[in-house]
Amino acid sequence: MNKGGIYYPNGEVSKADQKIMLDLGLSNITFLHDQRYIAKSWRERYSDGIINCRFYLPNWRAQGPKAWAQECARIYLLQENGVSLKSLGVHVTPANEMNLAGEGGGWSKQDYIDINYWLCLWYDEFVAHTGIASDKTHFPAWAYGHSDDQDDYGYIGDEICRPAIEKYGNYNSHPYFSAGLVREKWHGHRFQITHERYPDKPIFCDESGYISEDYDITNPNAPNEIADHILSLYDFEYVTGVCYFIFRDPTGRHKRNDWGRNKKIEQRIKGLVLPEVNMEFQLGFKTFAGVLASRGINPGKPKEPETAITGPDDYMIMRQRTITGKFLWDKEYNDMLFWSNAHKIFAFNGGRILETK
């Protein structure tokens, strides 16, 4: 996969526009749950891209978290055209910018306490009904500037919501930017603030684009600035991808970021050579490296998985299991560490699994 992505239009989309979107060469996509019909064709085109389904509520307070989780689980497991969102490996986000009054929330200290409580209950209920892995769940992004990732009013939402953030496998970010601020920490790279607080949390930018009313998608620098923003994300291994808001805006409510108003963006993106990354490898190695570091072992730099096994018995066990990954025999602990691309770490002793993390 690559780190580029697009936010699906917020209304009816022609077949022609769907094809243009699929042909952009961007691996990742975010869409609302009632637009899930795009998931199958996206997975067929991008086998390892992040497909992020945002279960959208106009007012999250109007729906109890358990009831909403049960409805989301029903949709996630629903078989449509021979597939379900679960079978397609779709990631899920339960809401959007919950600290905005327009979404049913707010940014008082009590609002953040309520959000944390709601998201914890939603997560537990959804996991219980679907069995989804944590690494496919996303903590919803904030609307920035409301004591969310910094202390504006004597508290920080990211700290109040720590219990919920630690449950979800990913943290969503909306790093919108203004002219010339694509790579600035408080704009296009705002996710750095969250990373400082949660260094082990993968961050997915499920929305990004322009924020200034007087500098929108029609400006002549937009194609290069968006291309530069995508490429800049490769400097941050913990950023798994980005989805630019918005490919088309048939409602007319988001003209500022409607790619349909500047076709040169599509031309620039299609001509962009984006490096392929194995995010599971990068994130899995980080976990593996942490275990090694806790044992005083320097894991070195990540390499592609390879079999490097000491001990004929262990080799036979691994070969019979037909799994590949990186192996390390730790004489001091008298066990073998195995790291796979599925974020799993196994400790072996004579072939018996001692622990799974």
Protein backbone atom coordinates (compact mmCIF):
# COMPACT_ATOMS: atom_id res chain seq x y z
CA MET A 1 0.00 0.00 0.00
CA ASN A 2 0.96 3.65 -0.25
CA LYS A 3 0.05 6.43 2.18
CA GLY A 4 -2.22 8.38 -0.18
CA GLY A 5 -5.98 8.26 0.03
CA ILE A 6 -9.25 9.99 -0.73
CA TYR A 7 -12.48 10.85 1.08
CA TYR A 8 -15.50 9.52 -0.78
CA PRO A 9 -18.07 12.04 -2.08
CA ASN A 10 -20.88 12.93 0.32
CA GLY A 11 -23.67 12.27 -2.15
CA GLU A 12 -24.51 10.53 -5.42
CA VAL A 13 -21.46 9.56 -7.49
CA SER A 14 -21.44 8.71 -11.17
CA LYS A 15 -19.82 5.51 -12.40
CA ALA A 16 -17.36 7.66 -14.35
CA ASP A 17 -16.26 9.49 -11.20
CA GLN A 18 -15.99 6.23 -9.29
CA LYS A 19 -13.61 4.94 -11.96
CA ILE A 20 -11.54 8.14 -11.88
CA MET A 21 -11.27 7.80 -8.11
CA LEU A 22 -10.19 4.16 -8.29
CA ASP A 23 -7.62 5.00 -10.96
CA LEU A 24 -5.89 7.72 -8.91
CA GLY A 25 -3.46 5.18 -7.46
CA LEU A 26 -4.24 6.12 -3.84
CA SER A 27 -4.50 3.07 -1.59
CA ASN A 28 -6.74 4.37 1.20
CA ILE A 29 -10.31 5.59 1.43
CA THR A 30 -12.76 6.92 4.03
CA PHE A 31 -16.52 6.79 3.49
CA LEU A 32 -19.72 6.97 5.53
CA HIS A 33 -21.48 3.71 6.37
CA ASP A 34 -24.32 4.23 3.88
CA GLN A 35 -21.71 4.44 1.09
CA ARG A 36 -20.24 1.02 1.87
CA TYR A 37 -21.01 -0.24 -1.64
CA ILE A 38 -17.60 1.15 -2.70
CA ALA A 39 -15.70 -1.14 -0.30
CA LYS A 40 -15.73 -4.25 -2.50
CA SER A 41 -14.36 -2.60 -5.64
CA TRP A 42 -11.79 -0.70 -3.55
CA ARG A 43 -10.52 -3.89 -1.95
CA GLU A 44 -10.32 -5.57 -5.35
CA ARG A 45 -8.12 -2.71 -6.59
CA TYR A 46 -6.09 -2.06 -3.42
CA SER A 47 -5.63 -5.35 -1.59
CA ASP A 48 -3.79 -3.88 1.40
CA GLY A 49 -5.13 -0.31 1.53
CA ILE A 50 -6.91 1.02 4.62
CA ILE A 51 -10.64 1.10 3.95
CA ASN A 52 -12.13 3.21 6.73
CA CYS A 53 -15.88 3.14 7.31
CA ARG A 54 -17.09 6.03 9.44
CA PHE A 55 -20.35 5.15 11.16
CA TYR A 56 -21.89 8.58 11.07
CA LEU A 57 -24.38 10.07 13.50
CA PRO A 58 -25.56 13.67 13.01
CA ASN A 59 -25.88 13.86 16.82
CA TRP A 60 -23.98 11.19 18.74
CA ARG A 61 -25.73 12.06 22.02
CA ALA A 62 -29.08 11.14 20.48
CA GLN A 63 -28.05 7.49 20.33
CA GLY A 64 -26.90 5.38 23.25
CA PRO A 65 -23.42 3.93 22.66
CA LYS A 66 -24.48 0.29 23.10
CA ALA A 67 -27.49 0.62 20.80
CA TRP A 68 -25.38 2.39 18.19
CA ALA A 69 -22.64 -0.25 18.49
CA GLN A 70 -25.20 -2.99 17.91
CA GLU A 71 -26.49 -1.24 14.78
CA CYS A 72 -22.94 -0.68 13.55
CA ALA A 73 -22.16 -4.35 14.19
CA ARG A 74 -25.22 -5.38 12.18
CA ILE A 75 -24.02 -3.29 9.25
CA TYR A 76 -20.43 -4.53 9.61
CA LEU A 77 -21.48 -8.18 9.48
CA LEU A 78 -24.22 -7.78 6.85
CA GLN A 79 -23.67 -9.87 3.73
CA GLU A 80 -24.18 -7.75 0.60
CA ASN A 81 -23.19 -8.95 -2.88
CA GLY A 82 -21.45 -11.92 -1.34
CA VAL A 83 -19.24 -9.93 1.05
CA SER A 84 -19.41 -8.06 4.32
CA LEU A 85 -17.37 -5.16 5.61
CA LYS A 86 -15.74 -7.61 8.01
CA SER A 87 -14.79 -10.06 5.26
CA LEU A 88 -13.22 -7.17 3.33
CA GLY A 89 -11.05 -6.22 6.30
CA VAL A 90 -12.66 -2.79 6.65
CA HIS A 91 -11.57 -0.51 9.50
CA VAL A 92 -14.21 1.29 11.58
CA THR A 93 -14.65 4.72 13.17
CA PRO A 94 -17.76 5.14 15.38
CA ALA A 95 -18.36 8.89 14.98
CA ASN A 96 -16.80 12.17 13.82
CA GLU A 97 -15.40 15.26 15.60
CA MET A 98 -17.43 14.57 18.71
CA ASN A 99 -16.22 17.78 20.37
CA LEU A 100 -18.26 19.96 18.01
CA ALA A 101 -21.73 21.20 18.92
CA GLY A 102 -22.76 20.52 15.32
CA GLU A 103 -22.02 16.82 15.88
CA GLY A 104 -23.92 16.72 19.18
CA GLY A 105 -20.98 17.43 21.47
CA GLY A 106 -18.94 20.32 22.77
CA TRP A 107 -15.54 21.04 24.28
CA SER A 108 -16.15 21.59 27.97
CA LYS A 109 -14.37 19.30 30.41
CA GLN A 110 -17.64 17.46 30.99
CA ASP A 111 -18.11 17.01 27.25
CA TYR A 112 -14.78 15.20 27.02
CA ILE A 113 -15.70 13.04 30.02
CA ASP A 114 -18.95 12.13 28.25
CA ILE A 115 -17.14 11.39 25.00
CA ASN A 116 -14.67 9.09 26.75
CA TYR A 117 -17.50 7.19 28.47
CA TRP A 118 -19.49 6.87 25.22
CA LEU A 119 -16.54 5.65 23.16
CA CYS A 120 -15.47 3.07 25.75
CA LEU A 121 -18.98 1.57 25.85
CA TRP A 122 -19.27 1.61 22.04
CA TYR A 123 -15.94 -0.16 21.63
CA ASP A 124 -16.69 -2.95 24.11
CA GLU A 125 -20.14 -3.60 22.63
CA PHE A 126 -18.95 -3.53 19.00
CA VAL A 127 -16.03 -5.89 19.68
CA ALA A 128 -18.33 -8.27 21.57
CA HIS A 129 -20.69 -8.50 18.57
CA THR A 130 -18.13 -8.59 15.75
CA GLY A 131 -14.88 -10.00 17.16
CA ILE A 132 -13.04 -7.26 15.28
CA ALA A 133 -9.32 -6.92 15.99
CA SER A 134 -8.26 -3.76 17.80
CA ASP A 135 -5.97 -2.73 14.94
CA LYS A 136 -9.03 -2.19 12.74
CA THR A 137 -10.69 0.26 15.16
CA HIS A 138 -10.14 4.02 15.08
CA PHE A 139 -10.58 6.63 17.78
CA PRO A 140 -12.49 9.50 16.07
CA ALA A 141 -10.61 12.68 15.18
CA TRP A 142 -11.18 15.97 16.99
CA ALA A 143 -12.05 19.33 15.56
CA TYR A 144 -8.83 21.06 16.56
CA GLY A 145 -8.50 24.21 18.63
CA HIS A 146 -10.90 23.28 21.44
CA SER A 147 -8.65 22.09 24.28
CA ASP A 148 -8.44 18.74 22.53
CA ASP A 149 -4.73 18.05 21.93
CA GLN A 150 -3.46 21.07 23.89
CA ASP A 151 -4.44 22.97 27.04
CA ASP A 152 -6.66 25.83 25.84
CA TYR A 153 -9.08 25.96 28.78
CA GLY A 154 -7.31 24.23 31.68
CA TYR A 155 -7.70 20.63 30.50
CA ILE A 156 -6.76 18.44 27.52
CA GLY A 157 -9.32 16.21 25.81
CA ASP A 158 -6.65 13.72 24.77
CA GLU A 159 -5.81 13.13 28.42
CA ILE A 160 -9.40 12.96 29.64
CA CYS A 161 -10.12 10.42 26.90
CA ARG A 162 -7.01 8.32 27.55
CA PRO A 163 -9.01 5.20 28.57
CA ALA A 164 -10.87 5.26 25.23
CA ILE A 165 -7.82 6.16 23.16
CA GLU A 166 -5.91 3.22 24.63
CA LYS A 167 -8.73 0.82 23.69
CA TYR A 168 -8.79 1.74 20.01
CA GLY A 169 -6.00 0.45 17.79
CA ASN A 170 -5.64 3.65 15.76
CA TYR A 171 -6.03 7.38 16.35
CA ASN A 172 -7.67 9.47 13.63
CA SER A 173 -6.38 12.96 12.86
CA HIS A 174 -7.69 15.82 10.69
CA PRO A 175 -4.55 17.83 9.82
CA TYR A 176 -6.02 20.57 7.65
CA PHE A 177 -3.63 23.26 6.45
CA SER A 178 -3.41 26.75 4.97
CA ALA A 179 -1.19 28.15 2.23
CA GLY A 180 2.44 27.25 2.74
CA LEU A 181 1.73 25.38 6.00
CA VAL A 182 1.62 21.85 4.62
CA ARG A 183 4.57 20.70 6.74
CA GLU A 184 3.94 22.85 9.82
CA LYS A 185 3.40 21.08 13.15
CA TRP A 186 0.24 23.02 13.98
CA HIS A 187 -1.26 22.55 10.52
CA GLY A 188 -0.50 19.80 7.99
CA HIS A 189 1.56 17.87 10.55
CA ARG A 190 -0.64 18.42 13.58
CA PHE A 191 -0.58 14.68 14.31
CA GLN A 192 2.88 15.19 15.82
CA ILE A 193 1.24 16.60 18.96
CA THR A 194 -0.76 13.43 19.48
CA HIS A 195 2.28 11.28 18.77
CA GLU A 196 4.19 13.02 21.57
CA ARG A 197 1.45 11.97 23.98
CA TYR A 198 0.80 8.51 22.48
CA PRO A 199 4.09 7.42 20.88
CA ASP A 200 2.95 3.83 20.26
CA LYS A 201 -0.39 4.67 18.65
CA PRO A 202 -0.68 4.42 14.83
CA ILE A 203 -2.24 7.60 13.40
CA PHE A 204 -4.52 7.65 10.36
CA CYS A 205 -5.43 11.02 8.82
CA ASP A 206 -8.96 10.21 7.70
CA GLU A 207 -9.46 13.82 6.58
CA SER A 208 -7.10 16.53 5.36
CA GLY A 209 -7.25 19.48 3.00
CA TYR A 210 -7.49 23.27 3.02
CA ILE A 211 -8.92 25.18 5.97
CA SER A 212 -8.77 28.83 4.83
CA GLU A 213 -11.84 30.38 3.21
CA ASP A 214 -9.66 32.64 1.06
CA TYR A 215 -7.27 29.90 -0.11
CA ASP A 216 -9.10 26.88 -1.38
CA ILE A 217 -8.74 23.96 -3.77
CA THR A 218 -8.84 26.22 -6.85
CA ASN A 219 -5.55 27.94 -6.06
CA PRO A 220 -2.78 27.12 -8.59
CA ASN A 221 -0.50 25.72 -5.89
CA ALA A 222 -3.04 23.14 -4.68
CA PRO A 223 -1.83 20.22 -6.87
CA ASN A 224 1.76 20.57 -5.69
CA GLU A 225 0.84 21.26 -2.06
CA ILE A 226 -1.33 18.17 -1.82
CA ALA A 227 1.36 16.07 -3.51
CA ASP A 228 3.93 17.48 -1.09
CA HIS A 229 1.70 16.67 1.88
CA ILE A 230 1.36 13.02 0.82
CA LEU A 231 5.11 12.65 0.35
CA SER A 232 5.85 14.37 3.66
CA LEU A 233 3.96 11.65 5.56
CA TYR A 234 6.65 9.14 4.66
CA ASP A 235 8.87 10.94 7.19
CA PHE A 236 6.59 9.64 9.98
CA GLU A 237 6.51 5.86 10.25
CA TYR A 238 3.59 5.98 12.68
CA VAL A 239 1.32 7.75 10.15
CA THR A 240 -0.41 4.96 8.26
CA GLY A 241 -2.14 7.06 5.61
CA VAL A 242 -4.24 10.07 4.67
CA CYS A 243 -7.61 10.66 2.96
CA TYR A 244 -8.07 14.04 1.29
CA PHE A 245 -11.41 15.71 1.73
CA ILE A 246 -13.18 15.56 -0.69
CA PHE A 247 -13.11 13.92 -4.14
CA ARG A 248 -16.45 15.43 -5.19
CA ASP A 249 -18.98 17.55 -3.31
CA PRO A 250 -22.42 17.08 -4.90
CA THR A 251 -24.07 18.79 -1.91
CA GLY A 252 -22.18 22.05 -2.44
CA ARG A 253 -21.47 22.35 1.29
CA HIS A 254 -17.72 21.76 1.00
CA LYS A 255 -16.70 23.66 -2.13
CA ARG A 256 -13.46 24.75 -0.49
CA ASN A 257 -12.04 21.22 -0.83
CA ASP A 258 -13.96 19.82 -3.81
CA TRP A 259 -11.35 18.23 -6.10
CA GLY A 260 -13.85 18.49 -8.95
CA ARG A 261 -13.16 22.25 -9.04
CA ASN A 262 -9.48 21.74 -9.89
CA LYS A 263 -8.89 18.83 -12.26
CA LYS A 264 -5.16 19.55 -12.23
CA ILE A 265 -5.03 17.88 -8.81
CA GLU A 266 -6.10 14.55 -10.31
CA GLN A 267 -3.48 14.92 -13.04
CA ARG A 268 -0.77 15.69 -10.49
CA ILE A 269 -1.72 12.80 -8.22
CA LYS A 270 -1.90 10.27 -11.05
CA GLY A 271 1.60 11.29 -12.09
CA LEU A 272 2.94 11.02 -8.56
CA VAL A 273 5.23 8.10 -7.74
CA LEU A 274 4.28 7.04 -4.21
CA PRO A 275 6.52 4.61 -2.35
CA GLU A 276 4.88 1.37 -1.28
CA VAL A 277 5.03 0.64 2.43
CA ASN A 278 4.16 -2.40 4.48
CA MET A 279 2.54 -0.74 7.46
CA GLU A 280 1.89 -4.04 9.20
CA PHE A 281 5.59 -4.76 8.89
CA GLN A 282 6.60 -1.36 10.27
CA LEU A 283 4.14 -1.41 13.16
CA GLY A 284 4.76 -5.08 13.90
CA PHE A 285 8.50 -4.55 14.02
CA LYS A 286 8.02 -1.66 16.43
CA THR A 287 6.20 -3.99 18.84
CA PHE A 288 8.78 -6.73 18.32
CA ALA A 289 11.60 -4.26 18.91
CA GLY A 290 9.95 -3.16 22.16
CA VAL A 291 10.00 -6.69 23.54
CA LEU A 292 13.63 -7.09 22.55
CA ALA A 293 14.54 -3.76 24.12
CA SER A 294 12.87 -4.80 27.38
CA ARG A 295 15.30 -7.73 27.42
CA GLY A 296 18.30 -5.53 26.73
CA ILE A 297 18.61 -6.65 23.10
CA ASN A 298 19.27 -4.17 20.31
CA PRO A 299 16.97 -5.25 17.44
CA GLY A 300 18.73 -3.07 14.87
CA LYS A 301 16.89 -1.60 11.93
CA PRO A 302 13.82 -3.34 10.48
CA LYS A 303 14.33 -5.64 7.53
CA GLU A 304 11.88 -7.64 5.49
CA PRO A 305 10.84 -10.85 7.27
CA GLU A 306 13.34 -13.66 7.00
CA THR A 307 13.76 -17.04 8.61
CA ALA A 308 16.81 -17.13 10.84
CA ILE A 309 16.36 -19.98 13.27
CA THR A 310 18.81 -21.63 15.63
CA GLY A 311 17.95 -25.18 16.65
CA PRO A 312 16.76 -28.06 14.40
CA ASP A 313 13.74 -28.88 16.55
CA ASP A 314 12.44 -25.33 16.45
CA TYR A 315 13.04 -25.20 12.72
CA MET A 316 10.89 -28.27 12.18
CA ILE A 317 8.13 -26.81 14.31
CA MET A 318 8.16 -23.58 12.37
CA ARG A 319 8.26 -25.30 9.02
CA GLN A 320 5.31 -27.50 9.91
CA ARG A 321 3.31 -24.48 10.94
CA THR A 322 4.13 -22.91 7.56
CA ILE A 323 4.55 -19.46 9.01
CA THR A 324 7.23 -17.01 8.08
CA GLY A 325 8.61 -14.09 9.96
CA LYS A 326 11.66 -13.06 11.91
CA PHE A 327 12.99 -15.41 14.57
CA LEU A 328 15.42 -14.81 17.38
CA TRP A 329 16.71 -17.36 19.87
CA ASP A 330 17.22 -15.76 23.26
CA LYS A 331 19.58 -17.98 25.26
CA GLU A 332 19.13 -16.03 28.48
CA TYR A 333 15.37 -16.55 28.49
CA ASN A 334 15.69 -19.97 26.85
CA ASP A 335 12.95 -19.22 24.39
CA MET A 336 12.41 -18.10 20.84
CA LEU A 337 10.74 -14.90 19.78
CA PHE A 338 8.75 -14.95 16.57
CA TRP A 339 7.45 -11.82 14.94
CA SER A 340 4.89 -11.94 12.16
CA ASN A 341 3.25 -9.27 10.04
CA ALA A 342 0.02 -9.71 11.98
CA HIS A 343 1.30 -7.71 14.95
CA LYS A 344 1.79 -10.95 16.90
CA ILE A 345 4.72 -11.90 19.06
CA PHE A 346 5.10 -15.47 20.21
CA ALA A 347 7.57 -16.79 22.76
CA PHE A 348 8.46 -20.43 22.17
CA ASN A 349 10.16 -22.94 24.41
CA GLY A 350 10.60 -26.36 22.87
CA GLY A 351 7.77 -25.59 20.48
CA ARG A 352 5.23 -24.74 23.19
CA ILE A 353 3.68 -21.30 22.92
CA LEU A 354 4.34 -19.52 26.20
CA GLU A 355 2.74 -16.19 25.47
CA THR A 356 0.96 -14.28 22.75
CA LYS A 357 1.00 -10.48 22.67
